[in-house]
Amino acid sequence: MLKGNKVLLVVRLSLALAICAAMQPLCSGEQSGKVVDASQPDTSGSVTFSDPSGVDKVFGVVLEYLKKHGYTIESADKNVGQIITVMDIKGGFTQTGTTVQVTLIKDSDTQTSVRVAVKTQRRVKGTSEHPWRDIKIDPKESSRIAEELKIALKT
């Protein structure tokens, strides 16, 4: 009887280890072989610039710019200093989702840093939707929007 319990325990432990190994990439934030540290967001490809205006003015101009250019706002919080658009999804079976994230950093009462990150991600949509993956910042599109925001802030 004791030998049977040991075999059952070994089988249960083996199964638990196999499940843990299979779930490890999801739990650790691994994407496409790259482990992402949630405490240090990857901002490579984003564009940062400074504007000689207060954060209140910059926030209003950025929000107005995004709305005028057809973006739907998912969240906008002046206290947090962040504006995020709703994901724009294009494609059929293979889809690409694009989101614009603008972060405002109050350097002083009359100086604000603005970081623009246009994020793209992909998924395959079959009989069931697969999770979004390959999250990347598009440096070209981030630069384009940053340049347009600089112009909008000067007017």
N, C-alpha and C. Protein backbone atom coordinates (compact mmCIF):
# COMPACT_ATOMS: atom_id res chain seq x y z
N MET A 1 0.83 -1.19 0.00
CA MET A 1 0.00 0.00 0.00
C MET A 1 0.87 1.25 0.00
N LEU A 2 1.95 1.24 0.78
CA LEU A 2 2.84 2.38 0.87
C LEU A 2 3.53 2.62 -0.46
N LYS A 3 3.89 1.53 -1.16
CA LYS A 3 4.55 1.64 -2.45
C LYS A 3 3.62 2.28 -3.48
N GLY A 4 2.33 1.94 -3.47
CA GLY A 4 1.34 2.51 -4.38
C GLY A 4 1.18 4.01 -4.16
N ASN A 5 1.23 4.45 -2.90
CA ASN A 5 1.11 5.87 -2.58
C ASN A 5 2.32 6.64 -3.09
N LYS A 6 3.49 6.02 -3.01
CA LYS A 6 4.71 6.68 -3.50
C LYS A 6 4.65 6.86 -5.01
N VAL A 7 4.17 5.85 -5.71
CA VAL A 7 4.05 5.95 -7.17
C VAL A 7 3.06 7.05 -7.54
N LEU A 8 1.94 7.11 -6.84
CA LEU A 8 0.94 8.13 -7.10
C LEU A 8 1.51 9.52 -6.81
N LEU A 9 2.29 9.65 -5.75
CA LEU A 9 2.92 10.93 -5.41
C LEU A 9 3.92 11.35 -6.49
N VAL A 10 4.70 10.41 -7.00
CA VAL A 10 5.67 10.70 -8.06
C VAL A 10 4.94 11.16 -9.33
N VAL A 11 3.85 10.49 -9.66
CA VAL A 11 3.07 10.86 -10.84
C VAL A 11 2.50 12.27 -10.68
N ARG A 12 1.96 12.57 -9.51
CA ARG A 12 1.40 13.91 -9.26
C ARG A 12 2.48 14.99 -9.33
N LEU A 13 3.64 14.72 -8.75
CA LEU A 13 4.73 15.70 -8.79
C LEU A 13 5.22 15.91 -10.22
N SER A 14 5.33 14.83 -10.97
CA SER A 14 5.76 14.94 -12.37
C SER A 14 4.78 15.77 -13.18
N LEU A 15 3.51 15.54 -12.96
CA LEU A 15 2.48 16.30 -13.66
C LEU A 15 2.53 17.78 -13.26
N ALA A 16 2.71 18.04 -11.98
CA ALA A 16 2.79 19.43 -11.51
C ALA A 16 4.01 20.13 -12.11
N LEU A 17 5.14 19.44 -12.17
CA LEU A 17 6.34 20.04 -12.76
C LEU A 17 6.16 20.31 -14.25
N ALA A 18 5.49 19.39 -14.94
CA ALA A 18 5.24 19.58 -16.37
C ALA A 18 4.34 20.79 -16.61
N ILE A 19 3.31 20.95 -15.80
CA ILE A 19 2.41 22.10 -15.92
C ILE A 19 3.16 23.39 -15.62
N CYS A 20 3.97 23.38 -14.57
CA CYS A 20 4.76 24.58 -14.24
C CYS A 20 5.71 24.95 -15.37
N ALA A 21 6.34 23.96 -15.97
CA ALA A 21 7.27 24.22 -17.07
C ALA A 21 6.54 24.80 -18.27
N ALA A 22 5.34 24.29 -18.53
CA ALA A 22 4.56 24.78 -19.67
C ALA A 22 4.05 26.20 -19.42
N MET A 23 3.71 26.52 -18.19
CA MET A 23 3.16 27.84 -17.86
C MET A 23 4.24 28.87 -17.58
N GLN A 24 5.47 28.47 -17.39
CA GLN A 24 6.55 29.38 -17.01
C GLN A 24 6.71 30.57 -17.95
N PRO A 25 6.69 30.37 -19.28
CA PRO A 25 6.82 31.54 -20.15
C PRO A 25 5.71 32.55 -19.95
N LEU A 26 4.48 32.10 -19.69
CA LEU A 26 3.38 33.02 -19.47
C LEU A 26 3.51 33.75 -18.15
N CYS A 27 3.94 33.04 -17.13
CA CYS A 27 4.04 33.63 -15.80
C CYS A 27 5.20 34.59 -15.68
N SER A 28 6.28 34.35 -16.40
CA SER A 28 7.47 35.20 -16.27
C SER A 28 7.44 36.38 -17.22
N GLY A 29 6.44 36.44 -18.11
CA GLY A 29 6.37 37.54 -19.06
C GLY A 29 7.21 37.31 -20.29
N GLU A 30 7.57 36.06 -20.56
CA GLU A 30 8.41 35.76 -21.71
C GLU A 30 7.59 35.90 -22.98
N GLN A 31 8.17 36.60 -23.96
CA GLN A 31 7.52 36.77 -25.24
C GLN A 31 8.57 36.54 -26.31
N SER A 32 8.29 35.62 -27.18
CA SER A 32 9.19 35.33 -28.30
C SER A 32 10.62 35.09 -27.83
N GLY A 33 10.80 34.38 -26.74
CA GLY A 33 12.13 34.06 -26.26
C GLY A 33 12.78 35.17 -25.46
N LYS A 34 12.13 36.30 -25.28
CA LYS A 34 12.72 37.43 -24.57
C LYS A 34 11.95 37.64 -23.27
N VAL A 35 12.63 37.63 -22.16
CA VAL A 35 11.98 37.85 -20.88
C VAL A 35 11.87 39.34 -20.65
N VAL A 36 10.65 39.78 -20.32
CA VAL A 36 10.38 41.20 -20.12
C VAL A 36 10.28 41.46 -18.62
N ASP A 37 11.04 42.42 -18.13
CA ASP A 37 10.99 42.81 -16.73
C ASP A 37 9.93 43.90 -16.59
N ALA A 38 8.83 43.58 -15.92
CA ALA A 38 7.71 44.51 -15.80
C ALA A 38 8.08 45.78 -15.05
N SER A 39 9.07 45.73 -14.19
CA SER A 39 9.45 46.92 -13.42
C SER A 39 10.24 47.92 -14.26
N GLN A 40 10.82 47.48 -15.36
CA GLN A 40 11.58 48.33 -16.26
C GLN A 40 10.98 48.25 -17.65
N PRO A 41 9.99 49.11 -17.96
CA PRO A 41 9.36 49.03 -19.28
C PRO A 41 10.36 49.33 -20.39
N ASP A 42 10.23 48.62 -21.48
CA ASP A 42 11.11 48.81 -22.63
C ASP A 42 10.62 50.04 -23.39
N THR A 43 11.42 51.08 -23.43
CA THR A 43 11.04 52.30 -24.13
C THR A 43 11.91 52.53 -25.36
N SER A 44 12.70 51.56 -25.77
CA SER A 44 13.51 51.73 -26.96
C SER A 44 12.59 51.88 -28.16
N GLY A 45 12.84 52.89 -28.94
CA GLY A 45 12.00 53.20 -30.09
C GLY A 45 11.04 54.33 -29.83
N SER A 46 10.82 54.66 -28.55
CA SER A 46 9.96 55.80 -28.25
C SER A 46 10.75 57.09 -28.47
N VAL A 47 10.04 58.20 -28.59
CA VAL A 47 10.67 59.49 -28.84
C VAL A 47 10.30 60.43 -27.69
N THR A 48 11.33 61.07 -27.12
CA THR A 48 11.11 62.02 -26.03
C THR A 48 11.61 63.39 -26.45
N PHE A 49 10.80 64.40 -26.14
CA PHE A 49 11.21 65.78 -26.39
C PHE A 49 10.71 66.65 -25.25
N SER A 50 11.26 67.85 -25.13
CA SER A 50 10.86 68.80 -24.08
C SER A 50 10.10 69.96 -24.70
N ASP A 51 9.16 70.48 -23.95
CA ASP A 51 8.40 71.65 -24.39
C ASP A 51 8.41 72.69 -23.28
N PRO A 52 8.62 73.96 -23.64
CA PRO A 52 8.66 75.01 -22.62
C PRO A 52 7.26 75.46 -22.19
N SER A 53 6.42 74.49 -21.85
CA SER A 53 5.07 74.78 -21.38
C SER A 53 4.79 73.94 -20.14
N GLY A 54 3.80 74.37 -19.40
CA GLY A 54 3.38 73.60 -18.24
C GLY A 54 2.66 72.33 -18.65
N VAL A 55 2.58 71.40 -17.74
CA VAL A 55 1.99 70.10 -18.03
C VAL A 55 0.51 70.22 -18.39
N ASP A 56 -0.21 71.20 -17.81
CA ASP A 56 -1.64 71.37 -18.11
C ASP A 56 -1.86 71.71 -19.58
N LYS A 57 -1.07 72.65 -20.09
CA LYS A 57 -1.20 73.03 -21.50
C LYS A 57 -0.82 71.87 -22.41
N VAL A 58 0.29 71.21 -22.12
CA VAL A 58 0.76 70.10 -22.96
C VAL A 58 -0.28 68.98 -22.99
N PHE A 59 -0.84 68.65 -21.84
CA PHE A 59 -1.85 67.60 -21.76
C PHE A 59 -3.03 67.93 -22.67
N GLY A 60 -3.53 69.16 -22.59
CA GLY A 60 -4.67 69.57 -23.40
C GLY A 60 -4.37 69.52 -24.89
N VAL A 61 -3.19 70.00 -25.29
CA VAL A 61 -2.81 70.00 -26.70
C VAL A 61 -2.67 68.57 -27.23
N VAL A 62 -2.02 67.70 -26.46
CA VAL A 62 -1.83 66.31 -26.90
C VAL A 62 -3.19 65.61 -27.04
N LEU A 63 -4.06 65.80 -26.07
CA LEU A 63 -5.39 65.19 -26.11
C LEU A 63 -6.18 65.68 -27.32
N GLU A 64 -6.14 66.97 -27.56
CA GLU A 64 -6.84 67.56 -28.72
C GLU A 64 -6.26 67.03 -30.03
N TYR A 65 -4.94 66.94 -30.12
CA TYR A 65 -4.27 66.42 -31.32
C TYR A 65 -4.74 65.00 -31.63
N LEU A 66 -4.70 64.14 -30.62
CA LEU A 66 -5.09 62.74 -30.83
C LEU A 66 -6.54 62.62 -31.28
N LYS A 67 -7.43 63.39 -30.67
CA LYS A 67 -8.85 63.35 -31.05
C LYS A 67 -9.04 63.85 -32.48
N LYS A 68 -8.38 64.95 -32.84
CA LYS A 68 -8.51 65.51 -34.18
C LYS A 68 -7.98 64.57 -35.26
N HIS A 69 -7.04 63.72 -34.89
CA HIS A 69 -6.46 62.79 -35.86
C HIS A 69 -7.12 61.42 -35.84
N GLY A 70 -8.31 61.34 -35.25
CA GLY A 70 -9.12 60.15 -35.34
C GLY A 70 -8.87 59.08 -34.30
N TYR A 71 -8.04 59.36 -33.32
CA TYR A 71 -7.79 58.36 -32.27
C TYR A 71 -8.90 58.41 -31.23
N THR A 72 -9.28 57.24 -30.74
CA THR A 72 -10.22 57.14 -29.63
C THR A 72 -9.39 56.99 -28.36
N ILE A 73 -9.72 57.74 -27.35
CA ILE A 73 -8.94 57.73 -26.11
C ILE A 73 -9.45 56.62 -25.20
N GLU A 74 -8.54 55.73 -24.80
CA GLU A 74 -8.88 54.67 -23.85
C GLU A 74 -8.78 55.20 -22.43
N SER A 75 -7.69 55.93 -22.15
CA SER A 75 -7.53 56.53 -20.83
C SER A 75 -6.68 57.79 -20.96
N ALA A 76 -7.02 58.77 -20.14
CA ALA A 76 -6.28 60.03 -20.10
C ALA A 76 -6.34 60.54 -18.66
N ASP A 77 -5.19 60.65 -18.04
CA ASP A 77 -5.13 61.08 -16.65
C ASP A 77 -4.02 62.11 -16.49
N LYS A 78 -4.43 63.35 -16.26
CA LYS A 78 -3.46 64.43 -16.12
C LYS A 78 -2.57 64.24 -14.89
N ASN A 79 -3.14 63.71 -13.80
CA ASN A 79 -2.35 63.50 -12.58
C ASN A 79 -1.27 62.44 -12.78
N VAL A 80 -1.59 61.40 -13.53
CA VAL A 80 -0.63 60.35 -13.82
C VAL A 80 0.32 60.82 -14.93
N GLY A 81 -0.20 61.69 -15.81
CA GLY A 81 0.60 62.19 -16.92
C GLY A 81 0.67 61.20 -18.07
N GLN A 82 -0.47 60.58 -18.39
CA GLN A 82 -0.45 59.57 -19.43
C GLN A 82 -1.76 59.58 -20.22
N ILE A 83 -1.61 59.44 -21.54
CA ILE A 83 -2.74 59.32 -22.45
C ILE A 83 -2.50 58.07 -23.29
N ILE A 84 -3.51 57.20 -23.36
CA ILE A 84 -3.40 55.96 -24.13
C ILE A 84 -4.62 55.86 -25.04
N THR A 85 -4.38 55.53 -26.31
CA THR A 85 -5.49 55.37 -27.25
C THR A 85 -5.98 53.94 -27.26
N VAL A 86 -7.19 53.77 -27.77
CA VAL A 86 -7.76 52.44 -27.96
C VAL A 86 -6.97 51.76 -29.08
N MET A 87 -6.80 50.46 -28.97
CA MET A 87 -6.05 49.73 -29.99
C MET A 87 -6.81 49.74 -31.32
N ASP A 88 -6.11 50.13 -32.38
CA ASP A 88 -6.64 50.10 -33.73
C ASP A 88 -6.21 48.76 -34.34
N ILE A 89 -7.18 47.90 -34.66
CA ILE A 89 -6.89 46.55 -35.14
C ILE A 89 -7.15 46.48 -36.63
N LYS A 90 -6.16 45.99 -37.36
CA LYS A 90 -6.26 45.83 -38.82
C LYS A 90 -5.88 44.40 -39.19
N GLY A 91 -6.49 43.93 -40.27
CA GLY A 91 -6.15 42.60 -40.76
C GLY A 91 -7.31 41.65 -40.61
N GLY A 92 -7.15 40.47 -41.17
CA GLY A 92 -8.18 39.44 -41.11
C GLY A 92 -7.74 38.30 -40.23
N PHE A 93 -7.14 37.29 -40.86
CA PHE A 93 -6.68 36.13 -40.10
C PHE A 93 -5.48 36.49 -39.23
N THR A 94 -4.53 37.24 -39.81
CA THR A 94 -3.39 37.75 -39.05
C THR A 94 -3.64 39.23 -38.80
N GLN A 95 -3.70 39.61 -37.54
CA GLN A 95 -4.06 40.98 -37.18
C GLN A 95 -2.89 41.73 -36.56
N THR A 96 -2.91 43.05 -36.78
CA THR A 96 -1.95 43.95 -36.14
C THR A 96 -2.74 44.98 -35.37
N GLY A 97 -2.37 45.17 -34.11
CA GLY A 97 -3.02 46.18 -33.26
C GLY A 97 -2.03 47.29 -32.95
N THR A 98 -2.49 48.53 -33.05
CA THR A 98 -1.62 49.69 -32.80
C THR A 98 -2.24 50.57 -31.73
N THR A 99 -1.40 50.99 -30.79
CA THR A 99 -1.81 51.86 -29.70
C THR A 99 -0.81 53.00 -29.58
N VAL A 100 -1.29 54.21 -29.30
CA VAL A 100 -0.41 55.35 -29.05
C VAL A 100 -0.44 55.63 -27.55
N GLN A 101 0.76 55.74 -26.97
CA GLN A 101 0.88 56.06 -25.55
C GLN A 101 1.75 57.29 -25.42
N VAL A 102 1.22 58.34 -24.80
CA VAL A 102 1.97 59.57 -24.58
C VAL A 102 2.11 59.75 -23.07
N THR A 103 3.36 59.90 -22.63
CA THR A 103 3.65 60.09 -21.21
C THR A 103 4.21 61.50 -21.02
N LEU A 104 3.67 62.22 -20.05
CA LEU A 104 4.11 63.57 -19.74
C LEU A 104 4.84 63.57 -18.41
N ILE A 105 6.00 64.22 -18.39
CA ILE A 105 6.79 64.32 -17.16
C ILE A 105 7.00 65.79 -16.85
N LYS A 106 6.52 66.22 -15.70
CA LYS A 106 6.65 67.62 -15.30
C LYS A 106 8.07 67.86 -14.81
N ASP A 107 8.86 68.57 -15.63
CA ASP A 107 10.23 68.90 -15.25
C ASP A 107 10.25 70.09 -14.31
N SER A 108 9.38 71.06 -14.58
CA SER A 108 9.20 72.24 -13.72
C SER A 108 7.83 72.82 -14.07
N ASP A 109 7.50 73.95 -13.47
CA ASP A 109 6.21 74.58 -13.77
C ASP A 109 6.12 75.03 -15.22
N THR A 110 7.28 75.28 -15.84
CA THR A 110 7.30 75.79 -17.21
C THR A 110 8.05 74.88 -18.18
N GLN A 111 8.24 73.63 -17.82
CA GLN A 111 8.95 72.69 -18.71
C GLN A 111 8.36 71.29 -18.55
N THR A 112 8.01 70.68 -19.67
CA THR A 112 7.41 69.34 -19.66
C THR A 112 8.11 68.45 -20.68
N SER A 113 8.48 67.26 -20.26
CA SER A 113 9.02 66.26 -21.18
C SER A 113 7.87 65.41 -21.68
N VAL A 114 7.90 65.09 -22.97
CA VAL A 114 6.83 64.33 -23.61
C VAL A 114 7.48 63.09 -24.26
N ARG A 115 6.99 61.90 -23.89
CA ARG A 115 7.49 60.66 -24.50
C ARG A 115 6.35 60.03 -25.30
N VAL A 116 6.60 59.80 -26.59
CA VAL A 116 5.61 59.22 -27.49
C VAL A 116 6.06 57.81 -27.86
N ALA A 117 5.16 56.85 -27.68
CA ALA A 117 5.45 55.46 -28.03
C ALA A 117 4.26 54.91 -28.80
N VAL A 118 4.48 54.58 -30.06
CA VAL A 118 3.46 53.91 -30.85
C VAL A 118 3.78 52.43 -30.81
N LYS A 119 2.89 51.67 -30.16
CA LYS A 119 3.14 50.24 -29.94
C LYS A 119 2.32 49.41 -30.92
N THR A 120 2.97 48.42 -31.52
CA THR A 120 2.28 47.48 -32.38
C THR A 120 2.43 46.08 -31.81
N GLN A 121 1.41 45.27 -32.04
CA GLN A 121 1.45 43.88 -31.61
C GLN A 121 0.66 43.05 -32.61
N ARG A 122 0.94 41.77 -32.63
CA ARG A 122 0.32 40.88 -33.63
C ARG A 122 -0.36 39.70 -32.95
N ARG A 123 -1.33 39.15 -33.69
CA ARG A 123 -1.98 37.91 -33.26
C ARG A 123 -2.56 37.21 -34.47
N VAL A 124 -2.83 35.94 -34.32
CA VAL A 124 -3.48 35.14 -35.35
C VAL A 124 -4.90 34.89 -34.85
N LYS A 125 -5.85 35.17 -35.71
CA LYS A 125 -7.25 34.99 -35.32
C LYS A 125 -7.80 33.81 -36.12
N GLY A 126 -7.98 32.69 -35.46
CA GLY A 126 -8.53 31.50 -36.10
C GLY A 126 -9.88 31.20 -35.50
N THR A 127 -10.09 29.93 -35.18
CA THR A 127 -11.35 29.56 -34.55
C THR A 127 -11.43 30.16 -33.15
N SER A 128 -10.28 30.36 -32.53
CA SER A 128 -10.23 31.08 -31.26
C SER A 128 -9.11 32.11 -31.37
N GLU A 129 -9.29 33.23 -30.72
CA GLU A 129 -8.29 34.29 -30.82
C GLU A 129 -7.07 33.95 -29.98
N HIS A 130 -5.92 34.07 -30.59
CA HIS A 130 -4.67 33.85 -29.89
C HIS A 130 -4.28 35.15 -29.19
N PRO A 131 -3.49 35.07 -28.15
CA PRO A 131 -3.11 36.29 -27.44
C PRO A 131 -2.20 37.18 -28.30
N TRP A 132 -2.22 38.46 -27.99
CA TRP A 132 -1.34 39.41 -28.67
C TRP A 132 0.10 39.08 -28.30
N ARG A 133 1.01 39.23 -29.27
CA ARG A 133 2.42 38.95 -29.02
C ARG A 133 3.27 39.87 -29.88
N ASP A 134 4.57 39.75 -29.74
CA ASP A 134 5.52 40.56 -30.50
C ASP A 134 5.24 42.05 -30.32
N ILE A 135 5.09 42.48 -29.08
CA ILE A 135 4.84 43.89 -28.79
C ILE A 135 6.12 44.67 -29.06
N LYS A 136 6.02 45.65 -29.94
CA LYS A 136 7.18 46.46 -30.30
C LYS A 136 6.77 47.92 -30.40
N ILE A 137 7.73 48.79 -30.17
CA ILE A 137 7.50 50.22 -30.38
C ILE A 137 7.97 50.55 -31.79
N ASP A 138 7.12 51.22 -32.54
CA ASP A 138 7.43 51.61 -33.92
C ASP A 138 8.13 52.97 -33.89
N PRO A 139 9.47 53.00 -34.05
CA PRO A 139 10.20 54.27 -33.94
C PRO A 139 9.84 55.28 -35.02
N LYS A 140 9.53 54.81 -36.21
CA LYS A 140 9.19 55.71 -37.32
C LYS A 140 7.87 56.45 -37.03
N GLU A 141 6.87 55.69 -36.62
CA GLU A 141 5.56 56.28 -36.33
C GLU A 141 5.62 57.13 -35.06
N SER A 142 6.41 56.69 -34.08
CA SER A 142 6.58 57.49 -32.85
C SER A 142 7.20 58.84 -33.19
N SER A 143 8.20 58.83 -34.07
CA SER A 143 8.87 60.09 -34.48
C SER A 143 7.91 60.99 -35.24
N ARG A 144 7.11 60.42 -36.12
CA ARG A 144 6.16 61.22 -36.89
C ARG A 144 5.17 61.94 -35.99
N ILE A 145 4.60 61.21 -35.04
CA ILE A 145 3.62 61.82 -34.13
C ILE A 145 4.31 62.83 -33.22
N ALA A 146 5.52 62.54 -32.75
CA ALA A 146 6.25 63.49 -31.89
C ALA A 146 6.50 64.80 -32.64
N GLU A 147 6.89 64.72 -33.90
CA GLU A 147 7.12 65.94 -34.69
C GLU A 147 5.84 66.74 -34.86
N GLU A 148 4.74 66.05 -35.12
CA GLU A 148 3.46 66.74 -35.26
C GLU A 148 3.01 67.37 -33.95
N LEU A 149 3.30 66.70 -32.83
CA LEU A 149 2.96 67.28 -31.52
C LEU A 149 3.79 68.53 -31.23
N LYS A 150 5.06 68.51 -31.62
CA LYS A 150 5.91 69.70 -31.44
C LYS A 150 5.31 70.90 -32.16
N ILE A 151 4.84 70.67 -33.39
CA ILE A 151 4.22 71.75 -34.17
C ILE A 151 2.93 72.21 -33.51
N ALA A 152 2.10 71.27 -33.05
CA ALA A 152 0.84 71.62 -32.39
C ALA A 152 1.09 72.42 -31.11
N LEU A 153 2.16 72.10 -30.40
CA LEU A 153 2.46 72.81 -29.15
C LEU A 153 2.97 74.23 -29.38
N LYS A 154 3.48 74.52 -30.57
CA LYS A 154 3.98 75.87 -30.86
C LYS A 154 2.87 76.83 -31.22
N THR A 155 1.70 76.31 -31.59
CA THR A 155 0.60 77.19 -31.98
C THR A 155 -0.24 77.60 -30.81
